[in-house]
Amino acid sequence: MKKLYKWSIAHPRSVIWITSAITIVIAVLAAIPSIYSNPPSFLHPLTIDTDPENMLPQDEPVRVFHNKMKRRFNLHDMIVVGVINEEDPDGVFNPESLRNIYS
């Protein structure tokens, strides 16, 4: 390790070039799955799962109880949709907007 330290101190430009090259290679490899639809198999695109339910193992007691209650009470996931009407002074609380929302 002492040889590496001494070489690094003696050749700072080489260290910067090597570090920059490694950084660029890693950045390109990280970007390939996002750019191409069929990236190489060893480059898997990043997937983000923000569902809190999936943050616990399947056999976690809290998750087992939650799933049991969802089945018992016939609960399903919700989708919330926001409606905005900036043209009417009452917003969406007017007959035309409410009719459109209902239909």
PDB file of N, CA and C in Angstrom:
ATOM      1  N   MET A   1       0.810  -1.190   0.000  1.00  0.00           N
ATOM      2  CA  MET A   1       0.000   0.000   0.000  1.00  0.00           C
ATOM      3  C   MET A   1       0.862   1.266   0.000  1.00  0.00           C
ATOM      4  N   LYS A   2       2.032   1.184   0.646  1.00  0.00           N
ATOM      5  CA  LYS A   2       2.891   2.362   0.675  1.00  0.00           C
ATOM      6  C   LYS A   2       3.335   2.747  -0.732  1.00  0.00           C
ATOM      7  N   LYS A   3       3.576   1.731  -1.575  1.00  0.00           N
ATOM      8  CA  LYS A   3       3.979   2.017  -2.954  1.00  0.00           C
ATOM      9  C   LYS A   3       2.873   2.770  -3.696  1.00  0.00           C
ATOM     10  N   LEU A   4       1.639   2.354  -3.466  1.00  0.00           N
ATOM     11  CA  LEU A   4       0.502   3.013  -4.113  1.00  0.00           C
ATOM     12  C   LEU A   4       0.385   4.463  -3.644  1.00  0.00           C
ATOM     13  N   TYR A   5       0.540   4.705  -2.349  1.00  0.00           N
ATOM     14  CA  TYR A   5       0.475   6.059  -1.824  1.00  0.00           C
ATOM     15  C   TYR A   5       1.572   6.924  -2.431  1.00  0.00           C
ATOM     16  N   LYS A   6       2.769   6.388  -2.443  1.00  0.00           N
ATOM     17  CA  LYS A   6       3.886   7.162  -2.973  1.00  0.00           C
ATOM     18  C   LYS A   6       3.696   7.450  -4.458  1.00  0.00           C
ATOM     19  N   TRP A   7       3.242   6.447  -5.213  1.00  0.00           N
ATOM     20  CA  TRP A   7       3.006   6.649  -6.652  1.00  0.00           C
ATOM     21  C   TRP A   7       1.912   7.696  -6.865  1.00  0.00           C
ATOM     22  N   SER A   8       0.831   7.649  -6.053  1.00  0.00           N
ATOM     23  CA  SER A   8      -0.268   8.610  -6.178  1.00  0.00           C
ATOM     24  C   SER A   8       0.201  10.029  -5.913  1.00  0.00           C
ATOM     25  N   ILE A   9       1.028  10.181  -4.930  1.00  0.00           N
ATOM     26  CA  ILE A   9       1.532  11.511  -4.598  1.00  0.00           C
ATOM     27  C   ILE A   9       2.494  12.000  -5.681  1.00  0.00           C
ATOM     28  N   ALA A  10       3.259  11.102  -6.250  1.00  0.00           N
ATOM     29  CA  ALA A  10       4.233  11.480  -7.273  1.00  0.00           C
ATOM     30  C   ALA A  10       3.587  11.749  -8.628  1.00  0.00           C
ATOM     31  N   HIS A  11       2.398  11.174  -8.885  1.00  0.00           N
ATOM     32  CA  HIS A  11       1.731  11.304 -10.192  1.00  0.00           C
ATOM     33  C   HIS A  11       0.278  11.754 -10.023  1.00  0.00           C
ATOM     34  N   PRO A  12       0.033  12.978  -9.555  1.00  0.00           N
ATOM     35  CA  PRO A  12      -1.355  13.411  -9.306  1.00  0.00           C
ATOM     36  C   PRO A  12      -2.204  13.490 -10.570  1.00  0.00           C
ATOM     37  N   ARG A  13      -1.606  13.898 -11.698  1.00  0.00           N
ATOM     38  CA  ARG A  13      -2.383  13.990 -12.944  1.00  0.00           C
ATOM     39  C   ARG A  13      -2.848  12.619 -13.395  1.00  0.00           C
ATOM     40  N   SER A  14      -2.009  11.629 -13.267  1.00  0.00           N
ATOM     41  CA  SER A  14      -2.395  10.266 -13.649  1.00  0.00           C
ATOM     42  C   SER A  14      -3.536   9.762 -12.770  1.00  0.00           C
ATOM     43  N   VAL A  15      -3.453  10.060 -11.489  1.00  0.00           N
ATOM     44  CA  VAL A  15      -4.517   9.639 -10.562  1.00  0.00           C
ATOM     45  C   VAL A  15      -5.835  10.298 -10.954  1.00  0.00           C
ATOM     46  N   ILE A  16      -5.804  11.574 -11.276  1.00  0.00           N
ATOM     47  CA  ILE A  16      -7.020  12.287 -11.669  1.00  0.00           C
ATOM     48  C   ILE A  16      -7.584  11.705 -12.961  1.00  0.00           C
ATOM     49  N   TRP A  17      -6.708  11.423 -13.954  1.00  0.00           N
ATOM     50  CA  TRP A  17      -7.178  10.842 -15.224  1.00  0.00           C
ATOM     51  C   TRP A  17      -7.781   9.451 -15.001  1.00  0.00           C
ATOM     52  N   ILE A  18      -7.146   8.636 -14.222  1.00  0.00           N
ATOM     53  CA  ILE A  18      -7.661   7.280 -13.954  1.00  0.00           C
ATOM     54  C   ILE A  18      -9.003   7.359 -13.217  1.00  0.00           C
ATOM     55  N   THR A  19      -9.082   8.223 -12.209  1.00  0.00           N
ATOM     56  CA  THR A  19     -10.330   8.387 -11.458  1.00  0.00           C
ATOM     57  C   THR A  19     -11.444   8.904 -12.361  1.00  0.00           C
ATOM     58  N   SER A  20     -11.142   9.852 -13.213  1.00  0.00           N
ATOM     59  CA  SER A  20     -12.135  10.395 -14.147  1.00  0.00           C
ATOM     60  C   SER A  20     -12.606   9.325 -15.125  1.00  0.00           C
ATOM     61  N   ALA A  21     -11.671   8.541 -15.647  1.00  0.00           N
ATOM     62  CA  ALA A  21     -12.030   7.486 -16.605  1.00  0.00           C
ATOM     63  C   ALA A  21     -12.943   6.447 -15.952  1.00  0.00           C
ATOM     64  N   ILE A  22     -12.622   6.044 -14.740  1.00  0.00           N
ATOM     65  CA  ILE A  22     -13.455   5.071 -14.025  1.00  0.00           C
ATOM     66  C   ILE A  22     -14.850   5.651 -13.773  1.00  0.00           C
ATOM     67  N   THR A  23     -14.917   6.918 -13.395  1.00  0.00           N
ATOM     68  CA  THR A  23     -16.204   7.574 -13.141  1.00  0.00           C
ATOM     69  C   THR A  23     -17.043   7.630 -14.409  1.00  0.00           C
ATOM     70  N   ILE A  24     -16.436   7.966 -15.527  1.00  0.00           N
ATOM     71  CA  ILE A  24     -17.163   8.039 -16.799  1.00  0.00           C
ATOM     72  C   ILE A  24     -17.668   6.660 -17.208  1.00  0.00           C
ATOM     73  N   VAL A  25     -16.839   5.647 -17.057  1.00  0.00           N
ATOM     74  CA  VAL A  25     -17.259   4.278 -17.403  1.00  0.00           C
ATOM     75  C   VAL A  25     -18.446   3.850 -16.549  1.00  0.00           C
ATOM     76  N   ILE A  26     -18.391   4.110 -15.263  1.00  0.00           N
ATOM     77  CA  ILE A  26     -19.492   3.738 -14.368  1.00  0.00           C
ATOM     78  C   ILE A  26     -20.756   4.515 -14.721  1.00  0.00           C
ATOM     79  N   ALA A  27     -20.634   5.795 -15.025  1.00  0.00           N
ATOM     80  CA  ALA A  27     -21.797   6.608 -15.393  1.00  0.00           C
ATOM     81  C   ALA A  27     -22.435   6.101 -16.680  1.00  0.00           C
ATOM     82  N   VAL A  28     -21.612   5.735 -17.666  1.00  0.00           N
ATOM     83  CA  VAL A  28     -22.150   5.205 -18.925  1.00  0.00           C
ATOM     84  C   VAL A  28     -22.846   3.869 -18.686  1.00  0.00           C
ATOM     85  N   LEU A  29     -22.246   2.994 -17.902  1.00  0.00           N
ATOM     86  CA  LEU A  29     -22.874   1.705 -17.598  1.00  0.00           C
ATOM     87  C   LEU A  29     -24.182   1.891 -16.834  1.00  0.00           C
ATOM     88  N   ALA A  30     -24.251   2.893 -15.971  1.00  0.00           N
ATOM     89  CA  ALA A  30     -25.483   3.152 -15.224  1.00  0.00           C
ATOM     90  C   ALA A  30     -26.575   3.725 -16.132  1.00  0.00           C
ATOM     91  N   ALA A  31     -26.185   4.459 -17.167  1.00  0.00           N
ATOM     92  CA  ALA A  31     -27.163   5.096 -18.049  1.00  0.00           C
ATOM     93  C   ALA A  31     -27.680   4.163 -19.141  1.00  0.00           C
ATOM     94  N   ILE A  32     -26.929   3.141 -19.498  1.00  0.00           N
ATOM     95  CA  ILE A  32     -27.323   2.256 -20.604  1.00  0.00           C
ATOM     96  C   ILE A  32     -28.721   1.666 -20.433  1.00  0.00           C
ATOM     97  N   PRO A  33     -29.108   1.137 -19.260  1.00  0.00           N
ATOM     98  CA  PRO A  33     -30.458   0.577 -19.136  1.00  0.00           C
ATOM     99  C   PRO A  33     -31.569   1.605 -19.338  1.00  0.00           C
ATOM    100  N   SER A  34     -31.298   2.860 -19.048  1.00  0.00           N
ATOM    101  CA  SER A  34     -32.308   3.899 -19.227  1.00  0.00           C
ATOM    102  C   SER A  34     -32.393   4.356 -20.680  1.00  0.00           C
ATOM    103  N   ILE A  35     -31.325   4.216 -21.415  1.00  0.00           N
ATOM    104  CA  ILE A  35     -31.281   4.706 -22.793  1.00  0.00           C
ATOM    105  C   ILE A  35     -31.789   3.660 -23.776  1.00  0.00           C
ATOM    106  N   TYR A  36     -31.363   2.415 -23.621  1.00  0.00           N
ATOM    107  CA  TYR A  36     -31.707   1.367 -24.565  1.00  0.00           C
ATOM    108  C   TYR A  36     -32.817   0.486 -24.018  1.00  0.00           C
ATOM    109  N   SER A  37     -33.726   0.040 -24.905  1.00  0.00           N
ATOM    110  CA  SER A  37     -34.847  -0.785 -24.452  1.00  0.00           C
ATOM    111  C   SER A  37     -34.413  -2.206 -24.114  1.00  0.00           C
ATOM    112  N   ASN A  38     -33.378  -2.724 -24.755  1.00  0.00           N
ATOM    113  CA  ASN A  38     -32.865  -4.065 -24.465  1.00  0.00           C
ATOM    114  C   ASN A  38     -31.402  -3.995 -24.053  1.00  0.00           C
ATOM    115  N   PRO A  39     -31.139  -3.603 -22.796  1.00  0.00           N
ATOM    116  CA  PRO A  39     -29.738  -3.511 -22.363  1.00  0.00           C
ATOM    117  C   PRO A  39     -29.156  -4.906 -22.158  1.00  0.00           C
ATOM    118  N   PRO A  40     -27.847  -5.014 -22.082  1.00  0.00           N
ATOM    119  CA  PRO A  40     -27.230  -6.316 -21.796  1.00  0.00           C
ATOM    120  C   PRO A  40     -27.783  -6.892 -20.489  1.00  0.00           C
ATOM    121  N   SER A  41     -27.802  -8.205 -20.388  1.00  0.00           N
ATOM    122  CA  SER A  41     -28.438  -8.856 -19.240  1.00  0.00           C
ATOM    123  C   SER A  41     -27.766  -8.511 -17.907  1.00  0.00           C
ATOM    124  N   PHE A  42     -26.490  -8.176 -17.929  1.00  0.00           N
ATOM    125  CA  PHE A  42     -25.820  -7.867 -16.673  1.00  0.00           C
ATOM    126  C   PHE A  42     -26.106  -6.445 -16.189  1.00  0.00           C
ATOM    127  N   LEU A  43     -26.789  -5.631 -16.991  1.00  0.00           N
ATOM    128  CA  LEU A  43     -27.159  -4.268 -16.597  1.00  0.00           C
ATOM    129  C   LEU A  43     -28.673  -4.197 -16.429  1.00  0.00           C
ATOM    130  N   HIS A  44     -29.143  -4.392 -15.235  1.00  0.00           N
ATOM    131  CA  HIS A  44     -30.577  -4.349 -14.975  1.00  0.00           C
ATOM    132  C   HIS A  44     -30.985  -2.921 -14.640  1.00  0.00           C
ATOM    133  N   PRO A  45     -32.065  -2.419 -15.256  1.00  0.00           N
ATOM    134  CA  PRO A  45     -32.483  -1.058 -14.927  1.00  0.00           C
ATOM    135  C   PRO A  45     -32.981  -0.969 -13.487  1.00  0.00           C
ATOM    136  N   LEU A  46     -32.863   0.197 -12.925  1.00  0.00           N
ATOM    137  CA  LEU A  46     -33.283   0.440 -11.557  1.00  0.00           C
ATOM    138  C   LEU A  46     -34.798   0.495 -11.502  1.00  0.00           C
ATOM    139  N   THR A  47     -35.390  -0.235 -10.575  1.00  0.00           N
ATOM    140  CA  THR A  47     -36.833  -0.162 -10.364  1.00  0.00           C
ATOM    141  C   THR A  47     -37.071   0.300  -8.934  1.00  0.00           C
ATOM    142  N   ILE A  48     -38.009   1.191  -8.792  1.00  0.00           N
ATOM    143  CA  ILE A  48     -38.317   1.745  -7.480  1.00  0.00           C
ATOM    144  C   ILE A  48     -39.723   1.325  -7.107  1.00  0.00           C
ATOM    145  N   ASP A  49     -39.847   0.685  -5.956  1.00  0.00           N
ATOM    146  CA  ASP A  49     -41.142   0.258  -5.457  1.00  0.00           C
ATOM    147  C   ASP A  49     -41.434   1.067  -4.203  1.00  0.00           C
ATOM    148  N   THR A  50     -42.395   1.975  -4.299  1.00  0.00           N
ATOM    149  CA  THR A  50     -42.719   2.839  -3.166  1.00  0.00           C
ATOM    150  C   THR A  50     -43.910   2.333  -2.373  1.00  0.00           C
ATOM    151  N   ASP A  51     -44.389   1.147  -2.688  1.00  0.00           N
ATOM    152  CA  ASP A  51     -45.525   0.580  -1.958  1.00  0.00           C
ATOM    153  C   ASP A  51     -45.049   0.158  -0.574  1.00  0.00           C
ATOM    154  N   PRO A  52     -45.572   0.786   0.492  1.00  0.00           N
ATOM    155  CA  PRO A  52     -45.101   0.445   1.836  1.00  0.00           C
ATOM    156  C   PRO A  52     -45.336  -1.017   2.178  1.00  0.00           C
ATOM    157  N   GLU A  53     -46.351  -1.623   1.583  1.00  0.00           N
ATOM    158  CA  GLU A  53     -46.647  -3.019   1.873  1.00  0.00           C
ATOM    159  C   GLU A  53     -45.497  -3.933   1.453  1.00  0.00           C
ATOM    160  N   ASN A  54     -44.805  -3.569   0.394  1.00  0.00           N
ATOM    161  CA  ASN A  54     -43.710  -4.401  -0.107  1.00  0.00           C
ATOM    162  C   ASN A  54     -42.405  -4.167   0.638  1.00  0.00           C
ATOM    163  N   MET A  55     -42.415  -3.284   1.620  1.00  0.00           N
ATOM    164  CA  MET A  55     -41.203  -3.030   2.396  1.00  0.00           C
ATOM    165  C   MET A  55     -41.044  -4.026   3.540  1.00  0.00           C
ATOM    166  N   LEU A  56     -42.041  -4.875   3.724  1.00  0.00           N
ATOM    167  CA  LEU A  56     -41.985  -5.904   4.762  1.00  0.00           C
ATOM    168  C   LEU A  56     -41.970  -7.276   4.105  1.00  0.00           C
ATOM    169  N   PRO A  57     -41.352  -8.268   4.741  1.00  0.00           N
ATOM    170  CA  PRO A  57     -41.383  -9.625   4.193  1.00  0.00           C
ATOM    171  C   PRO A  57     -42.820 -10.166   4.157  1.00  0.00           C
ATOM    172  N   GLN A  58     -43.079 -11.143   3.275  1.00  0.00           N
ATOM    173  CA  GLN A  58     -44.419 -11.726   3.122  1.00  0.00           C
ATOM    174  C   GLN A  58     -44.926 -12.323   4.429  1.00  0.00           C
ATOM    175  N   ASP A  59     -44.043 -12.876   5.243  1.00  0.00           N
ATOM    176  CA  ASP A  59     -44.470 -13.566   6.458  1.00  0.00           C
ATOM    177  C   ASP A  59     -44.431 -12.674   7.706  1.00  0.00           C
ATOM    178  N   GLU A  60     -44.209 -11.379   7.538  1.00  0.00           N
ATOM    179  CA  GLU A  60     -44.218 -10.446   8.673  1.00  0.00           C
ATOM    180  C   GLU A  60     -45.625 -10.425   9.278  1.00  0.00           C
ATOM    181  N   PRO A  61     -45.762 -10.598  10.605  1.00  0.00           N
ATOM    182  CA  PRO A  61     -47.094 -10.670  11.228  1.00  0.00           C
ATOM    183  C   PRO A  61     -48.007  -9.480  10.905  1.00  0.00           C
ATOM    184  N   VAL A  62     -47.453  -8.286  10.875  1.00  0.00           N
ATOM    185  CA  VAL A  62     -48.271  -7.108  10.568  1.00  0.00           C
ATOM    186  C   VAL A  62     -48.820  -7.197   9.148  1.00  0.00           C
ATOM    187  N   ARG A  63     -47.986  -7.633   8.209  1.00  0.00           N
ATOM    188  CA  ARG A  63     -48.424  -7.736   6.813  1.00  0.00           C
ATOM    189  C   ARG A  63     -49.434  -8.873   6.647  1.00  0.00           C
ATOM    190  N   VAL A  64     -49.231  -9.990   7.330  1.00  0.00           N
ATOM    191  CA  VAL A  64     -50.180 -11.107   7.271  1.00  0.00           C
ATOM    192  C   VAL A  64     -51.538 -10.652   7.794  1.00  0.00           C
ATOM    193  N   PHE A  65     -51.546  -9.943   8.942  1.00  0.00           N
ATOM    194  CA  PHE A  65     -52.793  -9.441   9.510  1.00  0.00           C
ATOM    195  C   PHE A  65     -53.466  -8.453   8.565  1.00  0.00           C
ATOM    196  N   HIS A  66     -52.683  -7.558   7.984  1.00  0.00           N
ATOM    197  CA  HIS A  66     -53.218  -6.563   7.044  1.00  0.00           C
ATOM    198  C   HIS A  66     -53.898  -7.247   5.860  1.00  0.00           C
ATOM    199  N   ASN A  67     -53.238  -8.236   5.271  1.00  0.00           N
ATOM    200  CA  ASN A  67     -53.821  -8.952   4.131  1.00  0.00           C
ATOM    201  C   ASN A  67     -55.079  -9.710   4.537  1.00  0.00           C
ATOM    202  N   LYS A  68     -55.073 -10.274   5.734  1.00  0.00           N
ATOM    203  CA  LYS A  68     -56.247 -10.993   6.237  1.00  0.00           C
ATOM    204  C   LYS A  68     -57.429 -10.034   6.375  1.00  0.00           C
ATOM    205  N   MET A  69     -57.195  -8.844   6.910  1.00  0.00           N
ATOM    206  CA  MET A  69     -58.266  -7.861   7.076  1.00  0.00           C
ATOM    207  C   MET A  69     -58.752  -7.339   5.721  1.00  0.00           C
ATOM    208  N   LYS A  70     -57.850  -7.179   4.766  1.00  0.00           N
ATOM    209  CA  LYS A  70     -58.268  -6.749   3.426  1.00  0.00           C
ATOM    210  C   LYS A  70     -59.209  -7.770   2.801  1.00  0.00           C
ATOM    211  N   ARG A  71     -58.898  -9.067   2.980  1.00  0.00           N
ATOM    212  CA  ARG A  71     -59.780 -10.107   2.441  1.00  0.00           C
ATOM    213  C   ARG A  71     -61.103 -10.148   3.200  1.00  0.00           C
ATOM    214  N   ARG A  72     -61.034 -10.045   4.509  1.00  0.00           N
ATOM    215  CA  ARG A  72     -62.246 -10.141   5.331  1.00  0.00           C
ATOM    216  C   ARG A  72     -63.234  -9.014   5.015  1.00  0.00           C
ATOM    217  N   PHE A  73     -62.733  -7.810   4.875  1.00  0.00           N
ATOM    218  CA  PHE A  73     -63.608  -6.660   4.638  1.00  0.00           C
ATOM    219  C   PHE A  73     -63.709  -6.292   3.157  1.00  0.00           C
ATOM    220  N   ASN A  74     -63.164  -7.137   2.291  1.00  0.00           N
ATOM    221  CA  ASN A  74     -63.240  -6.940   0.840  1.00  0.00           C
ATOM    222  C   ASN A  74     -62.726  -5.548   0.443  1.00  0.00           C
ATOM    223  N   LEU A  75     -61.531  -5.188   0.957  1.00  0.00           N
ATOM    224  CA  LEU A  75     -60.927  -3.899   0.663  1.00  0.00           C
ATOM    225  C   LEU A  75     -60.021  -3.994  -0.554  1.00  0.00           C
ATOM    226  N   HIS A  76     -59.936  -2.918  -1.292  1.00  0.00           N
ATOM    227  CA  HIS A  76     -59.088  -2.858  -2.484  1.00  0.00           C
ATOM    228  C   HIS A  76     -58.295  -1.559  -2.448  1.00  0.00           C
ATOM    229  N   ASP A  77     -57.249  -1.503  -3.232  1.00  0.00           N
ATOM    230  CA  ASP A  77     -56.449  -0.285  -3.314  1.00  0.00           C
ATOM    231  C   ASP A  77     -57.282   0.825  -3.940  1.00  0.00           C
ATOM    232  N   MET A  78     -56.991   2.056  -3.526  1.00  0.00           N
ATOM    233  CA  MET A  78     -57.730   3.214  -4.010  1.00  0.00           C
ATOM    234  C   MET A  78     -56.905   4.004  -5.000  1.00  0.00           C
ATOM    235  N   ILE A  79     -57.598   4.649  -5.898  1.00  0.00           N
ATOM    236  CA  ILE A  79     -56.974   5.616  -6.795  1.00  0.00           C
ATOM    237  C   ILE A  79     -57.681   6.942  -6.556  1.00  0.00           C
ATOM    238  N   VAL A  80     -56.923   7.979  -6.285  1.00  0.00           N
ATOM    239  CA  VAL A  80     -57.490   9.296  -6.029  1.00  0.00           C
ATOM    240  C   VAL A  80     -57.217  10.165  -7.241  1.00  0.00           C
ATOM    241  N   VAL A  81     -58.266  10.814  -7.742  1.00  0.00           N
ATOM    242  CA  VAL A  81     -58.143  11.678  -8.904  1.00  0.00           C
ATOM    243  C   VAL A  81     -58.526  13.088  -8.493  1.00  0.00           C
ATOM    244  N   GLY A  82     -57.707  14.036  -8.829  1.00  0.00           N
ATOM    245  CA  GLY A  82     -58.007  15.436  -8.519  1.00  0.00           C
ATOM    246  C   GLY A  82     -58.604  16.129  -9.732  1.00  0.00           C
ATOM    247  N   VAL A  83     -59.620  16.945  -9.503  1.00  0.00           N
ATOM    248  CA  VAL A  83     -60.284  17.683 -10.578  1.00  0.00           C
ATOM    249  C   VAL A  83     -60.179  19.164 -10.253  1.00  0.00           C
ATOM    250  N   ILE A  84     -59.786  19.956 -11.254  1.00  0.00           N
ATOM    251  CA  ILE A  84     -59.627  21.399 -11.073  1.00  0.00           C
ATOM    252  C   ILE A  84     -60.426  22.116 -12.148  1.00  0.00           C
ATOM    253  N   ASN A  85     -61.128  23.160 -11.745  1.00  0.00           N
ATOM    254  CA  ASN A  85     -61.807  24.033 -12.698  1.00  0.00           C
ATOM    255  C   ASN A  85     -61.459  25.460 -12.307  1.00  0.00           C
ATOM    256  N   GLU A  86     -60.551  26.065 -13.042  1.00  0.00           N
ATOM    257  CA  GLU A  86     -60.102  27.414 -12.730  1.00  0.00           C
ATOM    258  C   GLU A  86     -60.936  28.488 -13.424  1.00  0.00           C
ATOM    259  N   GLU A  87     -61.829  28.075 -14.334  1.00  0.00           N
ATOM    260  CA  GLU A  87     -62.638  29.046 -15.079  1.00  0.00           C
ATOM    261  C   GLU A  87     -63.856  29.498 -14.286  1.00  0.00           C
ATOM    262  N   ASP A  88     -64.396  28.627 -13.439  1.00  0.00           N
ATOM    263  CA  ASP A  88     -65.601  28.952 -12.673  1.00  0.00           C
ATOM    264  C   ASP A  88     -65.189  29.466 -11.297  1.00  0.00           C
ATOM    265  N   PRO A  89     -65.860  30.521 -10.799  1.00  0.00           N
ATOM    266  CA  PRO A  89     -65.493  31.036  -9.476  1.00  0.00           C
ATOM    267  C   PRO A  89     -65.751  30.032  -8.348  1.00  0.00           C
ATOM    268  N   ASP A  90     -66.673  29.088  -8.570  1.00  0.00           N
ATOM    269  CA  ASP A  90     -66.959  28.068  -7.560  1.00  0.00           C
ATOM    270  C   ASP A  90     -66.088  26.823  -7.727  1.00  0.00           C
ATOM    271  N   GLY A  91     -65.147  26.885  -8.646  1.00  0.00           N
ATOM    272  CA  GLY A  91     -64.281  25.716  -8.881  1.00  0.00           C
ATOM    273  C   GLY A  91     -65.075  24.582  -9.497  1.00  0.00           C
ATOM    274  N   VAL A  92     -64.926  23.390  -8.970  1.00  0.00           N
ATOM    275  CA  VAL A  92     -65.637  22.225  -9.523  1.00  0.00           C
ATOM    276  C   VAL A  92     -67.047  22.109  -8.961  1.00  0.00           C
ATOM    277  N   PHE A  93     -67.411  22.961  -8.003  1.00  0.00           N
ATOM    278  CA  PHE A  93     -68.733  22.880  -7.393  1.00  0.00           C
ATOM    279  C   PHE A  93     -69.734  23.718  -8.173  1.00  0.00           C
ATOM    280  N   ASN A  94     -69.983  23.295  -9.414  1.00  0.00           N
ATOM    281  CA  ASN A  94     -71.010  23.894 -10.251  1.00  0.00           C
ATOM    282  C   ASN A  94     -71.676  22.758 -11.022  1.00  0.00           C
ATOM    283  N   PRO A  95     -72.908  22.952 -11.493  1.00  0.00           N
ATOM    284  CA  PRO A  95     -73.647  21.846 -12.110  1.00  0.00           C
ATOM    285  C   PRO A  95     -72.917  21.179 -13.281  1.00  0.00           C
ATOM    286  N   GLU A  96     -72.298  21.956 -14.147  1.00  0.00           N
ATOM    287  CA  GLU A  96     -71.651  21.366 -15.329  1.00  0.00           C
ATOM    288  C   GLU A  96     -70.455  20.494 -14.933  1.00  0.00           C
ATOM    289  N   SER A  97     -69.588  21.018 -14.058  1.00  0.00           N
ATOM    290  CA  SER A  97     -68.413  20.229 -13.635  1.00  0.00           C
ATOM    291  C   SER A  97     -68.837  18.973 -12.895  1.00  0.00           C
ATOM    292  N   LEU A  98     -69.808  19.094 -11.977  1.00  0.00           N
ATOM    293  CA  LEU A  98     -70.266  17.926 -11.226  1.00  0.00           C
ATOM    294  C   LEU A  98     -70.909  16.900 -12.136  1.00  0.00           C
ATOM    295  N   ARG A  99     -71.624  17.339 -13.177  1.00  0.00           N
ATOM    296  CA  ARG A  99     -72.219  16.412 -14.152  1.00  0.00           C
ATOM    297  C   ARG A  99     -71.117  15.667 -14.912  1.00  0.00           C
ATOM    298  N   ASN A 100     -70.077  16.410 -15.312  1.00  0.00           N
ATOM    299  CA  ASN A 100     -68.963  15.775 -16.032  1.00  0.00           C
ATOM    300  C   ASN A 100     -68.237  14.761 -15.141  1.00  0.00           C
ATOM    301  N   ILE A 101     -68.040  15.121 -13.877  1.00  0.00           N
ATOM    302  CA  ILE A 101     -67.370  14.209 -12.952  1.00  0.00           C
ATOM    303  C   ILE A 101     -68.211  12.960 -12.745  1.00  0.00           C
ATOM    304  N   TYR A 102     -69.517  13.128 -12.588  1.00  0.00           N
ATOM    305  CA  TYR A 102     -70.403  11.993 -12.366  1.00  0.00           C
ATOM    306  C   TYR A 102     -70.416  11.055 -13.570  1.00  0.00           C
ATOM    307  N   SER A 103     -70.428  11.640 -14.760  1.00  0.00           N
ATOM    308  CA  SER A 103     -70.485  10.778 -15.964  1.00  0.00           C
ATOM    309  C   SER A 103     -69.134  10.118 -16.188  1.00  0.00           C
TER     310      SER A 103
END
